[in-house]
Amino acid sequence: IVRELNGPTKTHGIESVKALGVVDLGAEFQSMQGYQMRARIFTIKPGGVVARHEHQSRPGYAYILSGKVMEHRNDEKAALVRQAGDIAIERTGVAHWWENTFDEPMVALIVDIYKPE
């Protein structure tokens, strides 16, 4: 961890979240009972924000399909501009938040492992 990270507490400006599919990992690996791998398409409008959150035992990838987004992370010294073709890797210990400060929507394919509550 490089730095303490503060950020917004409310998500807003999400145009859509489209579920693409889910794999029950417990059916694949006995030790993964209760966990799923999911794929979603996130679209964030200009001015939109994904609030600060942490990835604890919820690894994932965010692949930018189109547009740009500013990603603020606790494992980087400064904010990063993510654009089409970039991938953000999310793992335990990573706290981050996104903001679309650009003029067009940002669309990302998000694939992560999670445990539904």
Protein backbone atom coordinates (compact mmCIF):
# COMPACT_ATOMS: atom_id res chain seq x y z
CA ILE A 1 0.00 0.00 0.00
CA VAL A 2 1.49 3.30 -1.09
CA ARG A 3 -0.95 5.77 0.47
CA GLU A 4 -4.10 6.34 2.46
CA LEU A 5 -7.01 6.87 0.09
CA ASN A 6 -10.08 8.95 0.77
CA GLY A 7 -12.85 9.34 -1.74
CA PRO A 8 -16.56 9.71 -2.33
CA THR A 9 -18.95 7.53 -0.34
CA LYS A 10 -21.84 7.57 -2.84
CA THR A 11 -21.93 6.05 -6.31
CA HIS A 12 -23.83 8.03 -8.94
CA GLY A 13 -24.01 8.43 -12.70
CA ILE A 14 -24.00 4.73 -13.55
CA GLU A 15 -25.82 4.46 -16.86
CA SER A 16 -26.13 0.68 -16.73
CA VAL A 17 -24.83 -2.57 -15.29
CA LYS A 18 -25.50 -5.53 -17.57
CA ALA A 19 -24.98 -9.04 -16.16
CA LEU A 20 -23.31 -11.30 -18.72
CA GLY A 21 -22.99 -14.53 -16.75
CA VAL A 22 -22.16 -16.25 -13.48
CA VAL A 23 -20.15 -19.42 -12.71
CA ASP A 24 -20.74 -21.22 -9.40
CA LEU A 25 -17.16 -21.81 -8.29
CA GLY A 26 -18.25 -24.31 -5.62
CA ALA A 27 -19.30 -26.65 -8.44
CA GLU A 28 -15.83 -26.28 -9.95
CA PHE A 29 -13.67 -26.34 -6.80
CA GLN A 30 -14.80 -27.87 -3.50
CA SER A 31 -12.87 -25.24 -1.51
CA MET A 32 -14.73 -22.40 -3.26
CA GLN A 33 -18.21 -23.26 -1.91
CA GLY A 34 -20.36 -20.12 -1.78
CA TYR A 35 -18.23 -18.14 -4.27
CA GLN A 36 -19.14 -17.12 -7.78
CA MET A 37 -17.30 -15.65 -10.73
CA ARG A 38 -19.35 -13.05 -12.57
CA ALA A 39 -18.98 -10.93 -15.67
CA ARG A 40 -20.71 -7.56 -16.10
CA ILE A 41 -20.60 -4.55 -18.41
CA PHE A 42 -20.50 -1.24 -16.49
CA THR A 43 -21.28 2.05 -18.22
CA ILE A 44 -20.44 5.26 -16.33
CA LYS A 45 -21.84 8.55 -17.63
CA PRO A 46 -19.70 11.69 -17.85
CA GLY A 47 -19.56 13.07 -14.29
CA GLY A 48 -20.34 9.63 -12.84
CA VAL A 49 -18.53 8.17 -9.82
CA VAL A 50 -18.01 4.67 -8.41
CA ALA A 51 -17.56 5.32 -4.68
CA ARG A 52 -14.43 4.35 -2.77
CA HIS A 53 -14.43 0.66 -1.90
CA GLU A 54 -11.97 -2.07 -0.96
CA HIS A 55 -11.40 -5.48 -2.47
CA GLN A 56 -11.13 -8.00 0.38
CA SER A 57 -11.13 -11.59 -0.90
CA ARG A 58 -12.85 -10.31 -4.07
CA PRO A 59 -10.28 -10.23 -6.87
CA GLY A 60 -11.23 -8.97 -10.28
CA TYR A 61 -10.31 -7.38 -13.56
CA ALA A 62 -11.79 -4.26 -15.12
CA TYR A 63 -11.07 -4.07 -18.86
CA ILE A 64 -11.91 -0.72 -20.44
CA LEU A 65 -13.83 -1.24 -23.67
CA SER A 66 -14.42 2.41 -24.58
CA GLY A 67 -14.08 5.90 -23.16
CA LYS A 68 -11.83 6.95 -20.29
CA VAL A 69 -12.02 7.04 -16.49
CA MET A 70 -9.84 8.39 -13.68
CA GLU A 71 -8.96 5.66 -11.20
CA HIS A 72 -7.76 6.64 -7.71
CA ARG A 73 -5.96 3.72 -5.96
CA ASN A 74 -4.17 3.27 -2.64
CA ASP A 75 -1.40 1.30 -4.37
CA GLU A 76 -0.49 4.14 -6.79
CA LYS A 77 1.05 7.53 -5.98
CA ALA A 78 -1.35 9.44 -8.26
CA ALA A 79 -4.62 8.92 -10.11
CA LEU A 80 -4.45 6.93 -13.35
CA VAL A 81 -6.27 7.60 -16.61
CA ARG A 82 -7.70 4.29 -17.78
CA GLN A 83 -8.74 4.14 -21.44
CA ALA A 84 -9.86 1.58 -24.03
CA GLY A 85 -7.52 -1.41 -23.94
CA ASP A 86 -6.36 -0.84 -20.34
CA ILE A 87 -7.00 -3.29 -17.51
CA ALA A 88 -7.29 -2.51 -13.80
CA ILE A 89 -6.41 -5.41 -11.51
CA GLU A 90 -8.34 -5.50 -8.23
CA ARG A 91 -7.10 -7.68 -5.36
CA THR A 92 -7.17 -7.91 -1.58
CA GLY A 93 -5.82 -4.74 -0.02
CA VAL A 94 -6.70 -2.49 -2.95
CA ALA A 95 -8.94 0.45 -2.15
CA HIS A 96 -10.00 2.54 -5.12
CA TRP A 97 -12.64 4.71 -6.73
CA TRP A 98 -13.44 5.84 -10.25
CA GLU A 99 -14.67 9.11 -11.71
CA ASN A 100 -15.57 9.85 -15.30
CA THR A 101 -14.22 13.39 -15.78
CA PHE A 102 -14.41 13.07 -19.55
CA ASP A 103 -17.02 13.96 -22.19
CA GLU A 104 -18.13 10.47 -23.16
CA PRO A 105 -19.40 7.40 -21.30
CA MET A 106 -16.82 4.86 -20.10
CA VAL A 107 -17.69 1.21 -20.72
CA ALA A 108 -15.82 -1.59 -18.92
CA LEU A 109 -16.03 -5.37 -18.75
CA ILE A 110 -15.78 -6.31 -15.07
CA VAL A 111 -14.97 -9.92 -14.15
CA ASP A 112 -14.67 -10.73 -10.45
CA ILE A 113 -14.96 -13.44 -7.83
CA TYR A 114 -17.37 -12.70 -5.02
CA LYS A 115 -19.46 -14.30 -2.31
CA PRO A 116 -23.13 -13.27 -2.49
CA GLU A 117 -24.46 -12.22 0.90
